[in-house]
Amino acid sequence: SKDLSIDVSVSTVAYPDDTAKPSDSKAKVTLALQLPDGTEKVFTAKYTKSGSFTGVIPAKELGGLKPGAYTVVVLSTLGANDSPAVSPTTIVVF
Protein backbone atom coordinates (compact mmCIF):
# COMPACT_ATOMS: atom_id res chain seq x y z
CA SER A 1 0.00 0.00 0.00
CA LYS A 2 0.97 3.66 -0.35
CA ASP A 3 0.98 6.59 2.06
CA LEU A 4 -2.35 8.43 2.13
CA SER A 5 -1.87 12.18 1.69
CA ILE A 6 -4.70 14.48 2.75
CA ASP A 7 -4.70 18.16 1.78
CA VAL A 8 -6.48 20.48 4.22
CA SER A 9 -7.54 24.11 3.73
CA VAL A 10 -7.70 26.21 6.91
CA SER A 11 -9.05 29.74 7.25
CA THR A 12 -9.36 32.20 10.09
CA VAL A 13 -12.88 33.59 10.30
CA ALA A 14 -13.46 36.91 12.07
CA TYR A 15 -16.72 37.03 13.97
CA PRO A 16 -19.07 38.95 13.78
CA ASP A 17 -17.63 40.41 10.57
CA ASP A 18 -17.89 37.00 8.86
CA THR A 19 -14.68 37.56 6.94
CA ALA A 20 -12.20 34.77 6.26
CA LYS A 21 -8.51 34.75 5.45
CA PRO A 22 -6.13 31.84 4.91
CA SER A 23 -4.45 30.70 8.12
CA ASP A 24 -0.74 30.97 8.69
CA SER A 25 1.79 28.45 9.95
CA LYS A 26 0.69 29.00 13.58
CA ALA A 27 -2.39 26.85 13.03
CA LYS A 28 -2.19 23.26 14.29
CA VAL A 29 -3.79 20.59 12.12
CA THR A 30 -4.05 16.90 12.98
CA LEU A 31 -5.58 13.83 11.38
CA ALA A 32 -7.06 11.23 13.72
CA LEU A 33 -7.61 7.78 12.21
CA GLN A 34 -10.43 6.14 14.19
CA LEU A 35 -9.79 2.44 14.80
CA PRO A 36 -12.41 -0.30 15.35
CA ASP A 37 -11.35 -0.82 18.99
CA GLY A 38 -12.27 2.78 19.84
CA THR A 39 -8.72 4.10 19.85
CA GLU A 40 -7.22 6.48 17.33
CA LYS A 41 -3.87 7.16 15.71
CA VAL A 42 -3.06 10.86 15.39
CA PHE A 43 -0.84 12.37 12.70
CA THR A 44 0.29 16.00 12.52
CA ALA A 45 -0.25 17.82 9.23
CA LYS A 46 2.49 20.11 7.91
CA TYR A 47 2.03 23.69 6.77
CA THR A 48 2.64 23.93 3.01
CA LYS A 49 1.51 27.47 2.14
CA SER A 50 -0.92 30.13 3.29
CA GLY A 51 -4.13 28.34 4.29
CA SER A 52 -2.86 24.90 3.23
CA PHE A 53 -1.67 21.90 5.20
CA THR A 54 -0.87 18.32 4.19
CA GLY A 55 -1.27 15.34 6.48
CA VAL A 56 0.05 11.87 5.75
CA ILE A 57 -1.15 8.54 7.08
CA PRO A 58 1.79 6.20 6.46
CA ALA A 59 1.39 3.06 4.36
CA LYS A 60 2.56 0.93 7.30
CA GLU A 61 -0.45 2.13 9.33
CA LEU A 62 -2.90 1.51 6.49
CA GLY A 63 -1.42 -1.91 5.70
CA GLY A 64 -2.31 -3.14 9.17
CA LEU A 65 -6.00 -2.36 8.75
CA LYS A 66 -8.63 -4.90 7.78
CA PRO A 67 -10.67 -4.07 4.66
CA GLY A 68 -13.51 -1.68 5.44
CA ALA A 69 -14.50 1.95 5.97
CA TYR A 70 -12.65 4.11 8.49
CA THR A 71 -13.27 7.63 9.75
CA VAL A 72 -10.51 10.23 9.69
CA VAL A 73 -11.20 13.31 11.79
CA VAL A 74 -9.37 16.48 10.75
CA LEU A 75 -8.97 18.91 13.64
CA SER A 76 -7.57 22.41 13.30
CA THR A 77 -6.88 24.98 15.98
CA LEU A 78 -5.55 28.49 15.53
CA GLY A 79 -4.59 29.24 19.12
CA ALA A 80 -5.01 28.21 22.73
CA ASN A 81 -8.22 30.20 23.22
CA ASP A 82 -9.84 29.39 19.88
CA SER A 83 -12.49 26.76 19.36
CA PRO A 84 -11.23 23.95 17.15
CA ALA A 85 -12.76 23.16 13.78
CA VAL A 86 -13.55 19.48 13.23
CA SER A 87 -14.24 17.79 9.90
CA PRO A 88 -14.76 14.04 9.61
CA THR A 89 -14.25 12.13 6.38
CA THR A 90 -14.32 8.46 5.43
CA ILE A 91 -11.62 6.37 3.78
CA VAL A 92 -12.10 2.86 2.42
CA VAL A 93 -9.41 0.20 2.74
CA PHE A 94 -9.58 -2.70 0.28
C-alpha atoms as a PDB file:
ATOM      1  CA  SER A   1       0.000   0.000   0.000  1.00  0.00           C
ATOM      2  CA  LYS A   2       0.972   3.660  -0.347  1.00  0.00           C
ATOM      3  CA  ASP A   3       0.981   6.593   2.058  1.00  0.00           C
ATOM      4  CA  LEU A   4      -2.352   8.431   2.133  1.00  0.00           C
ATOM      5  CA  SER A   5      -1.867  12.176   1.685  1.00  0.00           C
ATOM      6  CA  ILE A   6      -4.703  14.478   2.755  1.00  0.00           C
ATOM      7  CA  ASP A   7      -4.705  18.163   1.785  1.00  0.00           C
ATOM      8  CA  VAL A   8      -6.482  20.479   4.220  1.00  0.00           C
ATOM      9  CA  SER A   9      -7.536  24.107   3.732  1.00  0.00           C
ATOM     10  CA  VAL A  10      -7.701  26.208   6.908  1.00  0.00           C
ATOM     11  CA  SER A  11      -9.048  29.740   7.249  1.00  0.00           C
ATOM     12  CA  THR A  12      -9.357  32.201  10.089  1.00  0.00           C
ATOM     13  CA  VAL A  13     -12.882  33.589  10.301  1.00  0.00           C
ATOM     14  CA  ALA A  14     -13.461  36.908  12.072  1.00  0.00           C
ATOM     15  CA  TYR A  15     -16.723  37.034  13.970  1.00  0.00           C
ATOM     16  CA  PRO A  16     -19.072  38.947  13.783  1.00  0.00           C
ATOM     17  CA  ASP A  17     -17.635  40.415  10.569  1.00  0.00           C
ATOM     18  CA  ASP A  18     -17.895  37.002   8.861  1.00  0.00           C
ATOM     19  CA  THR A  19     -14.677  37.562   6.940  1.00  0.00           C
ATOM     20  CA  ALA A  20     -12.202  34.768   6.260  1.00  0.00           C
ATOM     21  CA  LYS A  21      -8.514  34.751   5.447  1.00  0.00           C
ATOM     22  CA  PRO A  22      -6.125  31.837   4.911  1.00  0.00           C
ATOM     23  CA  SER A  23      -4.455  30.701   8.118  1.00  0.00           C
ATOM     24  CA  ASP A  24      -0.736  30.972   8.687  1.00  0.00           C
ATOM     25  CA  SER A  25       1.787  28.446   9.953  1.00  0.00           C
ATOM     26  CA  LYS A  26       0.686  29.003  13.579  1.00  0.00           C
ATOM     27  CA  ALA A  27      -2.391  26.850  13.026  1.00  0.00           C
ATOM     28  CA  LYS A  28      -2.185  23.264  14.290  1.00  0.00           C
ATOM     29  CA  VAL A  29      -3.792  20.592  12.116  1.00  0.00           C
ATOM     30  CA  THR A  30      -4.054  16.903  12.984  1.00  0.00           C
ATOM     31  CA  LEU A  31      -5.579  13.828  11.375  1.00  0.00           C
ATOM     32  CA  ALA A  32      -7.057  11.233  13.717  1.00  0.00           C
ATOM     33  CA  LEU A  33      -7.612   7.783  12.209  1.00  0.00           C
ATOM     34  CA  GLN A  34     -10.433   6.141  14.192  1.00  0.00           C
ATOM     35  CA  LEU A  35      -9.795   2.437  14.797  1.00  0.00           C
ATOM     36  CA  PRO A  36     -12.408  -0.299  15.355  1.00  0.00           C
ATOM     37  CA  ASP A  37     -11.350  -0.820  18.992  1.00  0.00           C
ATOM     38  CA  GLY A  38     -12.272   2.780  19.843  1.00  0.00           C
ATOM     39  CA  THR A  39      -8.717   4.099  19.847  1.00  0.00           C
ATOM     40  CA  GLU A  40      -7.220   6.477  17.327  1.00  0.00           C
ATOM     41  CA  LYS A  41      -3.874   7.165  15.706  1.00  0.00           C
ATOM     42  CA  VAL A  42      -3.060  10.862  15.388  1.00  0.00           C
ATOM     43  CA  PHE A  43      -0.838  12.369  12.699  1.00  0.00           C
ATOM     44  CA  THR A  44       0.290  16.000  12.524  1.00  0.00           C
ATOM     45  CA  ALA A  45      -0.248  17.816   9.228  1.00  0.00           C
ATOM     46  CA  LYS A  46       2.488  20.107   7.910  1.00  0.00           C
ATOM     47  CA  TYR A  47       2.032  23.695   6.774  1.00  0.00           C
ATOM     48  CA  THR A  48       2.635  23.928   3.008  1.00  0.00           C
ATOM     49  CA  LYS A  49       1.510  27.473   2.142  1.00  0.00           C
ATOM     50  CA  SER A  50      -0.922  30.132   3.292  1.00  0.00           C
ATOM     51  CA  GLY A  51      -4.131  28.337   4.293  1.00  0.00           C
ATOM     52  CA  SER A  52      -2.865  24.901   3.226  1.00  0.00           C
ATOM     53  CA  PHE A  53      -1.671  21.900   5.200  1.00  0.00           C
ATOM     54  CA  THR A  54      -0.871  18.317   4.192  1.00  0.00           C
ATOM     55  CA  GLY A  55      -1.272  15.342   6.483  1.00  0.00           C
ATOM     56  CA  VAL A  56       0.051  11.869   5.747  1.00  0.00           C
ATOM     57  CA  ILE A  57      -1.151   8.542   7.076  1.00  0.00           C
ATOM     58  CA  PRO A  58       1.792   6.202   6.461  1.00  0.00           C
ATOM     59  CA  ALA A  59       1.389   3.061   4.363  1.00  0.00           C
ATOM     60  CA  LYS A  60       2.561   0.926   7.298  1.00  0.00           C
ATOM     61  CA  GLU A  61      -0.452   2.133   9.334  1.00  0.00           C
ATOM     62  CA  LEU A  62      -2.899   1.507   6.491  1.00  0.00           C
ATOM     63  CA  GLY A  63      -1.420  -1.906   5.697  1.00  0.00           C
ATOM     64  CA  GLY A  64      -2.312  -3.145   9.171  1.00  0.00           C
ATOM     65  CA  LEU A  65      -6.005  -2.355   8.753  1.00  0.00           C
ATOM     66  CA  LYS A  66      -8.626  -4.903   7.776  1.00  0.00           C
ATOM     67  CA  PRO A  67     -10.667  -4.072   4.661  1.00  0.00           C
ATOM     68  CA  GLY A  68     -13.513  -1.680   5.441  1.00  0.00           C
ATOM     69  CA  ALA A  69     -14.504   1.950   5.968  1.00  0.00           C
ATOM     70  CA  TYR A  70     -12.648   4.107   8.492  1.00  0.00           C
ATOM     71  CA  THR A  71     -13.267   7.626   9.749  1.00  0.00           C
ATOM     72  CA  VAL A  72     -10.506  10.226   9.692  1.00  0.00           C
ATOM     73  CA  VAL A  73     -11.201  13.314  11.795  1.00  0.00           C
ATOM     74  CA  VAL A  74      -9.371  16.478  10.747  1.00  0.00           C
ATOM     75  CA  LEU A  75      -8.974  18.913  13.638  1.00  0.00           C
ATOM     76  CA  SER A  76      -7.566  22.412  13.298  1.00  0.00           C
ATOM     77  CA  THR A  77      -6.877  24.984  15.979  1.00  0.00           C
ATOM     78  CA  LEU A  78      -5.545  28.485  15.534  1.00  0.00           C
ATOM     79  CA  GLY A  79      -4.592  29.244  19.117  1.00  0.00           C
ATOM     80  CA  ALA A  80      -5.011  28.206  22.734  1.00  0.00           C
ATOM     81  CA  ASN A  81      -8.224  30.195  23.217  1.00  0.00           C
ATOM     82  CA  ASP A  82      -9.845  29.395  19.879  1.00  0.00           C
ATOM     83  CA  SER A  83     -12.488  26.765  19.357  1.00  0.00           C
ATOM     84  CA  PRO A  84     -11.235  23.948  17.149  1.00  0.00           C
ATOM     85  CA  ALA A  85     -12.758  23.157  13.783  1.00  0.00           C
ATOM     86  CA  VAL A  86     -13.552  19.480  13.227  1.00  0.00           C
ATOM     87  CA  SER A  87     -14.237  17.794   9.903  1.00  0.00           C
ATOM     88  CA  PRO A  88     -14.764  14.037   9.607  1.00  0.00           C
ATOM     89  CA  THR A  89     -14.248  12.130   6.378  1.00  0.00           C
ATOM     90  CA  THR A  90     -14.320   8.457   5.432  1.00  0.00           C
ATOM     91  CA  ILE A  91     -11.622   6.369   3.782  1.00  0.00           C
ATOM     92  CA  VAL A  92     -12.097   2.857   2.423  1.00  0.00           C
ATOM     93  CA  VAL A  93      -9.409   0.202   2.736  1.00  0.00           C
ATOM     94  CA  PHE A  94      -9.575  -2.702   0.279  1.00  0.00           C
END
